[in-house]
C-alpha atoms as a PDB file:
ATOM      1  CA  MET A   1     -22.477 -27.009  10.312  1.00  0.00           C
ATOM      2  CA  LYS A   2     -25.411 -26.300   7.985  1.00  0.00           C
ATOM      3  CA  GLY A   3     -26.316 -23.301  10.115  1.00  0.00           C
ATOM      4  CA  LEU A   4     -22.758 -21.934   9.835  1.00  0.00           C
ATOM      5  CA  LYS A   5     -22.734 -22.373   6.034  1.00  0.00           C
ATOM      6  CA  GLY A   6     -26.076 -20.612   5.838  1.00  0.00           C
ATOM      7  CA  SER A   7     -24.740 -17.639   7.848  1.00  0.00           C
ATOM      8  CA  ILE A   8     -21.670 -17.375   5.603  1.00  0.00           C
ATOM      9  CA  TRP A   9     -23.836 -17.301   2.470  1.00  0.00           C
ATOM     10  CA  ILE A  10     -26.022 -14.591   4.002  1.00  0.00           C
ATOM     11  CA  ILE A  11     -22.955 -12.446   4.710  1.00  0.00           C
ATOM     12  CA  ILE A  12     -21.577 -12.963   1.186  1.00  0.00           C
ATOM     13  CA  THR A  13     -24.947 -12.052  -0.333  1.00  0.00           C
ATOM     14  CA  LEU A  14     -25.190  -8.874   1.766  1.00  0.00           C
ATOM     15  CA  LEU A  15     -21.659  -7.798   0.822  1.00  0.00           C
ATOM     16  CA  THR A  16     -22.349  -8.446  -2.869  1.00  0.00           C
ATOM     17  CA  LEU A  17     -25.512  -6.349  -2.770  1.00  0.00           C
ATOM     18  CA  PHE A  18     -23.693  -3.624  -0.852  1.00  0.00           C
ATOM     19  CA  GLY A  19     -20.834  -3.547  -3.356  1.00  0.00           C
ATOM     20  CA  THR A  20     -23.306  -3.289  -6.254  1.00  0.00           C
ATOM     21  CA  THR A  21     -25.008  -0.353  -4.545  1.00  0.00           C
ATOM     22  CA  LEU A  22     -21.671   1.427  -4.104  1.00  0.00           C
ATOM     23  CA  LEU A  23     -20.850   1.041  -7.787  1.00  0.00           C
ATOM     24  CA  ALA A  24     -24.237   2.436  -8.777  1.00  0.00           C
ATOM     25  CA  GLU A  25     -23.751   5.434  -6.481  1.00  0.00           C
ATOM     26  CA  THR A  26     -20.261   6.034  -7.900  1.00  0.00           C
ATOM     27  CA  GLU A  27     -21.539   6.070 -11.479  1.00  0.00           C
ATOM     28  CA  SER A  28     -24.113   8.631 -10.452  1.00  0.00           C
ATOM     29  CA  ALA A  29     -21.601  10.781  -8.585  1.00  0.00           C
ATOM     30  CA  THR A  30     -19.072  10.885 -11.449  1.00  0.00           C
ATOM     31  CA  SER A  31     -21.467  11.523 -14.337  1.00  0.00           C
ATOM     32  CA  ALA A  32     -20.314  15.190 -14.292  1.00  0.00           C
ATOM     33  CA  SER A  33     -16.604  16.041 -14.444  1.00  0.00           C
ATOM     34  CA  LEU A  34     -14.896  17.707 -11.512  1.00  0.00           C
ATOM     35  CA  ALA A  35     -13.061  20.147 -13.745  1.00  0.00           C
ATOM     36  CA  VAL A  36     -12.102  20.934 -17.334  1.00  0.00           C
ATOM     37  CA  VAL A  37      -8.987  23.012 -17.979  1.00  0.00           C
ATOM     38  CA  GLU A  38      -7.403  23.840 -21.339  1.00  0.00           C
ATOM     39  CA  ASN A  39      -5.296  26.196 -23.415  1.00  0.00           C
ATOM     40  CA  GLU A  40      -4.349  26.244 -27.095  1.00  0.00           C
ATOM     41  CA  GLU A  41      -2.175  23.115 -26.697  1.00  0.00           C
ATOM     42  CA  ILE A  42      -3.752  20.826 -24.117  1.00  0.00           C
ATOM     43  CA  ARG A  43      -7.147  19.972 -22.629  1.00  0.00           C
ATOM     44  CA  ILE A  44      -7.617  18.017 -19.383  1.00  0.00           C
ATOM     45  CA  ILE A  45     -10.889  16.618 -18.032  1.00  0.00           C
ATOM     46  CA  VAL A  46     -10.705  15.635 -14.350  1.00  0.00           C
ATOM     47  CA  ASP A  47     -12.981  12.945 -12.884  1.00  0.00           C
ATOM     48  CA  LEU A  48     -13.182  10.823  -9.750  1.00  0.00           C
ATOM     49  CA  GLU A  49     -13.367   7.111 -10.421  1.00  0.00           C
ATOM     50  CA  SER A  50     -13.732   4.028  -8.225  1.00  0.00           C
ATOM     51  CA  TYR A  51     -10.472   2.097  -8.073  1.00  0.00           C
ATOM     52  CA  ALA A  52     -10.864  -1.626  -8.720  1.00  0.00           C
ATOM     53  CA  GLY A  53      -7.407  -2.776  -7.647  1.00  0.00           C
ATOM     54  CA  THR A  54      -8.842  -5.430  -5.306  1.00  0.00           C
ATOM     55  CA  LEU A  55     -12.257  -6.589  -4.105  1.00  0.00           C
ATOM     56  CA  PHE A  56     -11.570  -4.632  -0.928  1.00  0.00           C
ATOM     57  CA  ASP A  57     -11.073  -1.421  -2.960  1.00  0.00           C
ATOM     58  CA  ILE A  58     -14.423  -2.002  -4.669  1.00  0.00           C
ATOM     59  CA  LEU A  59     -16.261  -2.573  -1.383  1.00  0.00           C
ATOM     60  CA  ALA A  60     -14.524   0.388   0.264  1.00  0.00           C
ATOM     61  CA  ASN A  61     -15.359   2.617  -2.741  1.00  0.00           C
ATOM     62  CA  THR A  62     -11.740   3.782  -3.074  1.00  0.00           C
ATOM     63  CA  LYS A  63     -11.677   6.821  -5.369  1.00  0.00           C
ATOM     64  CA  VAL A  64      -8.803   7.981  -7.572  1.00  0.00           C
ATOM     65  CA  LEU A  65      -8.278  10.580 -10.298  1.00  0.00           C
ATOM     66  CA  ARG A  66      -9.137   9.869 -13.911  1.00  0.00           C
ATOM     67  CA  LEU A  67      -7.420  12.368 -16.249  1.00  0.00           C
ATOM     68  CA  THR A  68      -8.549  12.551 -19.865  1.00  0.00           C
ATOM     69  CA  ILE A  69      -5.839  14.499 -21.682  1.00  0.00           C
ATOM     70  CA  THR A  70      -6.109  15.780 -25.262  1.00  0.00           C
ATOM     71  CA  ASN A  71      -3.121  16.940 -27.275  1.00  0.00           C
ATOM     72  CA  LYS A  72      -4.526  19.782 -29.393  1.00  0.00           C
ATOM     73  CA  THR A  73      -1.291  20.339 -31.323  1.00  0.00           C
ATOM     74  CA  GLY A  74       0.186  18.795 -34.442  1.00  0.00           C
ATOM     75  CA  LEU A  75       3.256  17.671 -32.464  1.00  0.00           C
ATOM     76  CA  PRO A  76       3.879  14.934 -29.868  1.00  0.00           C
ATOM     77  CA  LEU A  77       3.172  16.109 -26.303  1.00  0.00           C
ATOM     78  CA  LYS A  78       4.810  14.695 -23.158  1.00  0.00           C
ATOM     79  CA  ILE A  79       3.242  14.633 -19.681  1.00  0.00           C
ATOM     80  CA  ILE A  80       6.013  15.083 -17.100  1.00  0.00           C
ATOM     81  CA  TRP A  81       4.553  13.161 -14.141  1.00  0.00           C
ATOM     82  CA  ASP A  82       7.433  13.804 -11.738  1.00  0.00           C
ATOM     83  CA  GLU A  83       6.701  17.535 -11.989  1.00  0.00           C
ATOM     84  CA  SER A  84       2.897  17.224 -11.865  1.00  0.00           C
ATOM     85  CA  LEU A  85       1.183  17.780  -8.507  1.00  0.00           C
ATOM     86  CA  PHE A  86      -2.159  17.267  -6.780  1.00  0.00           C
ATOM     87  CA  THR A  87      -3.372  18.260  -3.307  1.00  0.00           C
ATOM     88  CA  ASP A  88      -3.657  15.089  -1.225  1.00  0.00           C
ATOM     89  CA  ASN A  89      -5.977  14.215   1.687  1.00  0.00           C
ATOM     90  CA  TYR A  90      -3.602  16.002   4.066  1.00  0.00           C
ATOM     91  CA  GLY A  91      -3.711  19.314   2.186  1.00  0.00           C
ATOM     92  CA  LYS A  92      -0.199  18.965   0.752  1.00  0.00           C
ATOM     93  CA  PRO A  93       0.809  19.141  -2.943  1.00  0.00           C
ATOM     94  CA  VAL A  94       2.409  15.823  -3.904  1.00  0.00           C
ATOM     95  CA  LYS A  95       3.638  14.099  -7.047  1.00  0.00           C
ATOM     96  CA  LEU A  96       1.151  12.158  -9.151  1.00  0.00           C
ATOM     97  CA  ILE A  97       1.870   8.478  -9.831  1.00  0.00           C
ATOM     98  CA  ARG A  98       0.526   7.441 -13.209  1.00  0.00           C
ATOM     99  CA  GLU A  99      -1.267   4.230 -14.070  1.00  0.00           C
ATOM    100  CA  GLY A 100       1.302   1.600 -15.051  1.00  0.00           C
ATOM    101  CA  GLN A 101       3.986   2.704 -12.594  1.00  0.00           C
ATOM    102  CA  LYS A 102       4.569  -0.077 -10.049  1.00  0.00           C
ATOM    103  CA  PHE A 103       3.663   1.085  -6.554  1.00  0.00           C
ATOM    104  CA  ILE A 104       6.915  -0.349  -5.212  1.00  0.00           C
ATOM    105  CA  ASP A 105       8.686   2.109  -7.560  1.00  0.00           C
ATOM    106  CA  ALA A 106       6.503   5.109  -6.651  1.00  0.00           C
ATOM    107  CA  THR A 107       9.473   7.092  -5.320  1.00  0.00           C
ATOM    108  CA  ARG A 108      11.528   6.526  -8.473  1.00  0.00           C
ATOM    109  CA  ALA A 109      11.564   8.672 -11.611  1.00  0.00           C
ATOM    110  CA  GLN A 110       8.645   8.068 -13.971  1.00  0.00           C
ATOM    111  CA  VAL A 111       8.868   7.840 -17.731  1.00  0.00           C
ATOM    112  CA  PRO A 112       6.887  10.708 -19.303  1.00  0.00           C
ATOM    113  CA  THR A 113       3.715   9.761 -21.159  1.00  0.00           C
ATOM    114  CA  VAL A 114       3.717  10.704 -24.855  1.00  0.00           C
ATOM    115  CA  ILE A 115       0.422  11.707 -26.465  1.00  0.00           C
ATOM    116  CA  LEU A 116       0.390  11.710 -30.257  1.00  0.00           C
ATOM    117  CA  PRO A 117      -0.669  14.806 -32.241  1.00  0.00           C
ATOM    118  CA  ASN A 118      -4.411  15.553 -32.079  1.00  0.00           C
ATOM    119  CA  SER A 119      -4.984  12.498 -29.854  1.00  0.00           C
ATOM    120  CA  THR A 120      -6.573  11.823 -26.465  1.00  0.00           C
ATOM    121  CA  LEU A 121      -5.355   9.673 -23.585  1.00  0.00           C
ATOM    122  CA  SER A 122      -7.343   8.637 -20.498  1.00  0.00           C
ATOM    123  CA  ILE A 123      -5.275   7.578 -17.493  1.00  0.00           C
ATOM    124  CA  ILE A 124      -5.614   6.985 -13.735  1.00  0.00           C
ATOM    125  CA  ALA A 125      -3.349   8.957 -11.397  1.00  0.00           C
ATOM    126  CA  VAL A 126      -2.772   8.579  -7.639  1.00  0.00           C
ATOM    127  CA  PRO A 127      -1.071  11.054  -5.253  1.00  0.00           C
ATOM    128  CA  GLU A 128       2.228   9.562  -4.086  1.00  0.00           C
ATOM    129  CA  SER A 129       1.286  10.005  -0.415  1.00  0.00           C
ATOM    130  CA  HIS A 130      -1.823   7.849  -0.978  1.00  0.00           C
ATOM    131  CA  ILE A 131       0.271   4.749  -1.704  1.00  0.00           C
ATOM    132  CA  TYR A 132       1.294   2.628   1.272  1.00  0.00           C
ATOM    133  CA  TYR A 133       2.250  -0.936   2.184  1.00  0.00           C
ATOM    134  CA  SER A 134       0.116  -3.024   4.557  1.00  0.00           C
ATOM    135  CA  GLY A 135       0.390  -6.718   3.726  1.00  0.00           C
ATOM    136  CA  GLY A 136       0.622  -5.595   0.097  1.00  0.00           C
ATOM    137  CA  TRP A 137       0.607  -2.290  -1.779  1.00  0.00           C
ATOM    138  CA  GLN A 138      -2.562  -0.317  -1.048  1.00  0.00           C
ATOM    139  CA  VAL A 139      -4.198   2.903  -2.281  1.00  0.00           C
ATOM    140  CA  LEU A 140      -5.762   5.495   0.005  1.00  0.00           C
ATOM    141  CA  GLY A 141      -8.809   6.901  -1.772  1.00  0.00           C
ATOM    142  CA  ILE A 142      -9.453  10.604  -2.310  1.00  0.00           C
ATOM    143  CA  SER A 143     -11.846  11.832   0.363  1.00  0.00           C
ATOM    144  CA  GLY A 144     -13.857  14.942   1.154  1.00  0.00           C
ATOM    145  CA  ILE A 145     -11.693  15.741   4.196  1.00  0.00           C
ATOM    146  CA  VAL A 146      -9.945  18.429   2.090  1.00  0.00           C
ATOM    147  CA  SER A 147     -12.465  19.948  -0.325  1.00  0.00           C
ATOM    148  CA  ASN A 148     -10.286  22.561  -2.073  1.00  0.00           C
ATOM    149  CA  ARG A 149      -7.672  20.880  -4.273  1.00  0.00           C
ATOM    150  CA  LYS A 150      -5.118  22.007  -6.851  1.00  0.00           C
ATOM    151  CA  LEU A 151      -4.048  20.116  -9.968  1.00  0.00           C
ATOM    152  CA  PHE A 152      -0.762  21.183 -11.572  1.00  0.00           C
ATOM    153  CA  VAL A 153       0.309  19.333 -14.737  1.00  0.00           C
ATOM    154  CA  THR A 154       3.690  19.848 -16.384  1.00  0.00           C
ATOM    155  CA  TYR A 155       3.992  18.992 -20.066  1.00  0.00           C
ATOM    156  CA  GLU A 156       6.464  19.397 -22.915  1.00  0.00           C
ATOM    157  CA  VAL A 157       5.769  20.212 -26.566  1.00  0.00           C
ATOM    158  CA  ASN A 158       8.254  21.201 -29.266  1.00  0.00           C
ATOM    159  CA  ASP A 159      11.067  20.760 -26.658  1.00  0.00           C
ATOM    160  CA  LYS A 160       9.548  23.471 -24.463  1.00  0.00           C
ATOM    161  CA  LYS A 161       8.390  22.662 -20.937  1.00  0.00           C
ATOM    162  CA  LYS A 162       5.105  24.264 -19.882  1.00  0.00           C
ATOM    163  CA  TYR A 163       2.401  23.803 -17.258  1.00  0.00           C
ATOM    164  CA  ILE A 164      -1.329  24.086 -16.749  1.00  0.00           C
ATOM    165  CA  GLU A 165      -3.198  24.234 -13.446  1.00  0.00           C
ATOM    166  CA  THR A 166      -6.724  24.367 -12.050  1.00  0.00           C
ATOM    167  CA  SER A 167      -8.622  24.413  -8.767  1.00  0.00           C
ATOM    168  CA  ILE A 168     -10.944  21.514  -7.935  1.00  0.00           C
ATOM    169  CA  ILE A 169     -13.702  21.231  -5.359  1.00  0.00           C
ATOM    170  CA  ILE A 170     -14.222  17.708  -3.977  1.00  0.00           C
ATOM    171  CA  GLU A 171     -17.817  17.437  -2.821  1.00  0.00           C
ATOM    172  CA  LEU A 172     -18.345  14.150  -1.001  1.00  0.00           C
ATOM    173  CA  PRO A 173     -20.926  13.373   1.693  1.00  0.00           C
ATOM    174  CA  SER A 174     -20.468  15.172   5.029  1.00  0.00           C
ATOM    175  CA  LYS A 175     -18.335  13.317   7.551  1.00  0.00           C
ATOM    176  CA  SER A 176     -20.085  14.783  10.610  1.00  0.00           C
ATOM    177  CA  SER A 177     -21.174  12.157  13.122  1.00  0.00           C
ATOM    178  CA  LYS A 178     -24.620  13.753  12.921  1.00  0.00           C
ATOM    179  CA  ASN A 179     -24.882  12.186   9.464  1.00  0.00           C
ATOM    180  CA  GLN A 180     -23.565   8.781  10.531  1.00  0.00           C
ATOM    181  CA  LYS A 181     -26.329   6.300  11.196  1.00  0.00           C
ATOM    182  CA  THR A 182     -26.781   2.999  12.960  1.00  0.00           C
ATOM    183  CA  ARG A 183     -24.048   0.448  12.242  1.00  0.00           C
ATOM    184  CA  ILE A 184     -24.705  -3.296  12.036  1.00  0.00           C
ATOM    185  CA  THR A 185     -21.762  -5.707  12.103  1.00  0.00           C
ATOM    186  CA  PHE A 186     -21.308  -9.247  10.764  1.00  0.00           C
ATOM    187  CA  PRO A 187     -20.893 -11.972  11.948  1.00  0.00           C
ATOM    188  CA  PHE A 188     -21.452 -10.751  15.533  1.00  0.00           C
ATOM    189  CA  PHE A 189     -24.644  -8.844  14.637  1.00  0.00           C
ATOM    190  CA  ASN A 190     -23.744  -5.858  16.813  1.00  0.00           C
ATOM    191  CA  ILE A 191     -26.101  -2.871  16.661  1.00  0.00           C
ATOM    192  CA  LEU A 192     -23.963   0.244  17.270  1.00  0.00           C
ATOM    193  CA  TYR A 193     -24.535   3.992  17.536  1.00  0.00           C
ATOM    194  CA  PRO A 194     -21.880   6.716  16.965  1.00  0.00           C
ATOM    195  CA  PHE A 195     -20.694   9.086  19.708  1.00  0.00           C
ATOM    196  CA  SER A 196     -18.705  12.227  18.942  1.00  0.00           C
ATOM    197  CA  ASP A 197     -16.676  15.052  20.475  1.00  0.00           C
ATOM    198  CA  LYS A 198     -17.630  18.753  20.461  1.00  0.00           C
ATOM    199  CA  GLU A 199     -16.285  19.168  16.901  1.00  0.00           C
ATOM    200  CA  GLY A 200     -18.541  16.398  15.608  1.00  0.00           C
ATOM    201  CA  ASN A 201     -15.742  13.846  15.091  1.00  0.00           C
ATOM    202  CA  ILE A 202     -16.664  10.251  15.895  1.00  0.00           C
ATOM    203  CA  THR A 203     -14.696   8.955  18.872  1.00  0.00           C
ATOM    204  CA  SER A 204     -16.573   5.743  19.705  1.00  0.00           C
ATOM    205  CA  TYR A 205     -19.422   3.352  18.905  1.00  0.00           C
ATOM    206  CA  LYS A 206     -21.627   1.827  21.593  1.00  0.00           C
ATOM    207  CA  GLY A 207     -24.445  -0.657  21.456  1.00  0.00           C
ATOM    208  CA  PHE A 208     -25.602  -4.239  21.862  1.00  0.00           C
ATOM    209  CA  SER A 209     -24.502  -7.606  20.461  1.00  0.00           C
ATOM    210  CA  ALA A 210     -27.336  -9.888  19.355  1.00  0.00           C
ATOM    211  CA  LEU A 211     -24.961 -12.864  19.005  1.00  0.00           C
ATOM    212  CA  LEU A 212     -23.039 -12.453  22.261  1.00  0.00           C
ATOM    213  CA  PHE A 213     -26.097 -11.042  24.027  1.00  0.00           C
ATOM    214  CA  GLY A 214     -24.227  -8.239  25.782  1.00  0.00           C
ATOM    215  CA  TYR A 215     -22.936  -4.655  25.746  1.00  0.00           C
ATOM    216  CA  VAL A 216     -20.412  -3.471  23.112  1.00  0.00           C
ATOM    217  CA  GLU A 217     -18.167  -0.388  23.175  1.00  0.00           C
ATOM    218  CA  LYS A 218     -15.468   0.554  20.627  1.00  0.00           C
ATOM    219  CA  ASN A 219     -13.160   3.524  21.387  1.00  0.00           C
ATOM    220  CA  TYR A 220     -10.822   5.020  18.758  1.00  0.00           C
ATOM    221  CA  TYR A 221      -7.369   6.380  19.549  1.00  0.00           C
ATOM    222  CA  GLY A 222      -8.248   9.958  18.619  1.00  0.00           C
ATOM    223  CA  SER A 223     -11.164  10.449  16.229  1.00  0.00           C
ATOM    224  CA  MET A 224     -12.266   8.125  13.429  1.00  0.00           C
ATOM    225  CA  LYS A 225     -10.916   8.995   9.972  1.00  0.00           C
ATOM    226  CA  PHE A 226     -12.589   8.152   6.682  1.00  0.00           C
ATOM    227  CA  ASN A 227     -10.829   6.375   3.811  1.00  0.00           C
ATOM    228  CA  SER A 228      -8.261   5.276   6.372  1.00  0.00           C
ATOM    229  CA  TRP A 229      -7.301   2.642   8.950  1.00  0.00           C
ATOM    230  CA  ASN A 230      -8.285   3.477  12.545  1.00  0.00           C
ATOM    231  CA  ASN A 231      -6.807   1.805  15.639  1.00  0.00           C
ATOM    232  CA  PHE A 232      -9.116   1.201  18.585  1.00  0.00           C
ATOM    233  CA  TRP A 233      -9.606  -0.640  21.854  1.00  0.00           C
ATOM    234  CA  HIS A 234     -12.909  -2.193  22.806  1.00  0.00           C
ATOM    235  CA  TRP A 235     -14.668  -3.912  25.649  1.00  0.00           C
ATOM    236  CA  GLY A 236     -18.038  -5.422  26.369  1.00  0.00           C
ATOM    237  CA  THR A 237     -19.908  -8.296  27.902  1.00  0.00           C
ATOM    238  CA  ALA A 238     -21.111 -11.672  26.684  1.00  0.00           C
ATOM    239  CA  PHE A 239     -24.344 -13.148  27.982  1.00  0.00           C
ATOM    240  CA  ILE A 240     -24.891  -9.886  29.875  1.00  0.00           C
ATOM    241  CA  VAL A 241     -22.300 -10.412  32.630  1.00  0.00           C
ATOM    242  CA  LEU A 242     -19.141 -12.051  31.181  1.00  0.00           C
ATOM    243  CA  PRO A 243     -16.585  -9.278  30.423  1.00  0.00           C
ATOM    244  CA  TYR A 244     -14.065  -9.129  27.566  1.00  0.00           C
ATOM    245  CA  ILE A 245     -11.543  -6.616  26.237  1.00  0.00           C
ATOM    246  CA  GLY A 246      -9.370  -6.321  23.137  1.00  0.00           C
ATOM    247  CA  ILE A 247      -7.622  -4.127  20.563  1.00  0.00           C
ATOM    248  CA  GLY A 248      -7.982  -3.816  16.812  1.00  0.00           C
ATOM    249  CA  THR A 249      -7.813  -1.767  13.641  1.00  0.00           C
ATOM    250  CA  GLU A 250     -10.599  -0.813  11.253  1.00  0.00           C
ATOM    251  CA  TYR A 251     -10.791   0.522   7.693  1.00  0.00           C
ATOM    252  CA  VAL A 252     -13.684   2.947   7.089  1.00  0.00           C
ATOM    253  CA  ASN A 253     -14.628   3.902   3.513  1.00  0.00           C
ATOM    254  CA  GLY A 254     -15.150   7.452   2.220  1.00  0.00           C
ATOM    255  CA  ASP A 255     -18.683   8.051   3.464  1.00  0.00           C
ATOM    256  CA  GLY A 256     -18.721   5.716   6.464  1.00  0.00           C
ATOM    257  CA  THR A 257     -21.210   3.239   4.999  1.00  0.00           C
ATOM    258  CA  PHE A 258     -18.764   0.320   5.082  1.00  0.00           C
ATOM    259  CA  ALA A 259     -16.056  -0.788   7.508  1.00  0.00           C
ATOM    260  CA  PHE A 260     -13.774  -3.818   7.883  1.00  0.00           C
ATOM    261  CA  SER A 261     -12.190  -4.661  11.256  1.00  0.00           C
ATOM    262  CA  LEU A 262      -9.444  -6.948  12.530  1.00  0.00           C
ATOM    263  CA  PHE A 263      -9.438  -7.279  16.322  1.00  0.00           C
ATOM    264  CA  THR A 264      -8.936  -9.509  19.336  1.00  0.00           C
ATOM    265  CA  LEU A 265     -11.169 -10.731  22.140  1.00  0.00           C
ATOM    266  CA  TYR A 266      -8.474 -10.973  24.785  1.00  0.00           C
ATOM    267  CA  ILE A 267      -5.798 -12.599  22.547  1.00  0.00           C
ATOM    268  CA  VAL A 268      -8.058 -14.508  20.130  1.00  0.00           C
ATOM    269  CA  PRO A 269      -8.144 -12.842  16.645  1.00  0.00           C
ATOM    270  CA  PHE A 270     -11.372 -12.119  14.734  1.00  0.00           C
ATOM    271  CA  PHE A 271     -12.560 -10.142  11.721  1.00  0.00           C
ATOM    272  CA  GLU A 272     -15.777  -8.236  11.181  1.00  0.00           C
ATOM    273  CA  PHE A 273     -17.645  -6.341   8.432  1.00  0.00           C
ATOM    274  CA  SER A 274     -20.115  -3.577   9.132  1.00  0.00           C
ATOM    275  CA  VAL A 275     -22.608  -1.481   7.206  1.00  0.00           C
ATOM    276  CA  SER A 276     -24.449   1.718   8.166  1.00  0.00           C
ATOM    277  CA  PHE A 277     -27.981   2.557   7.112  1.00  0.00           C
END
């Protein structure tokens, strides 16, 4: 029992250190704004920010938009969110859901945000297509899968509706399997290496389990996607010769450094964390 408690504390310590490292990297990556767009009435600074909705979001380094909006006029200015768009991870322009809108009500009309004369408001916004339900309302982080994005913001001042738009380049680490390194999993202590198709997309991980003392192979249905859940089937051996098989799903963060898996060995459920280095 003491040995089990010791292993649990080791895992918690590693995850804490890993989460701290992610936060430090995020601060570094967002020190410069993605874009600044303005006219004589409005100024918008666009940043990427780590979303701290849950501990899982922090560990997965889920990134969302932070819009800092300045009303440069002497009149109240309204942001019309239902007519404001951003290019999502699938390359489609979708409605922005503002901070404060309940995710369960994401498809409903949003109340415009009023910014007082000569004032500034900073607010988080999430593309509608990045909100989904999986045991609770979740946010899909902005990734580097689509690098060229468009931001289109509709606003109203002096009872006149207007808009402002800008292009944004999302520069996140390359997702090529050539840049993905060795993965170590906990608590099974698997040592895994990525394998890819001709386009460089990761299709499987193969390696060795130090705990089960056998071969490990994980195969994705299609190719692995970042900032997303990935279904897979896996097989391997325990104590060299005893075979097993199972299915599962795995969340991989934006740069592939962290993953969380739920899976079965035959029909027995397990969970697993992994880090790449």
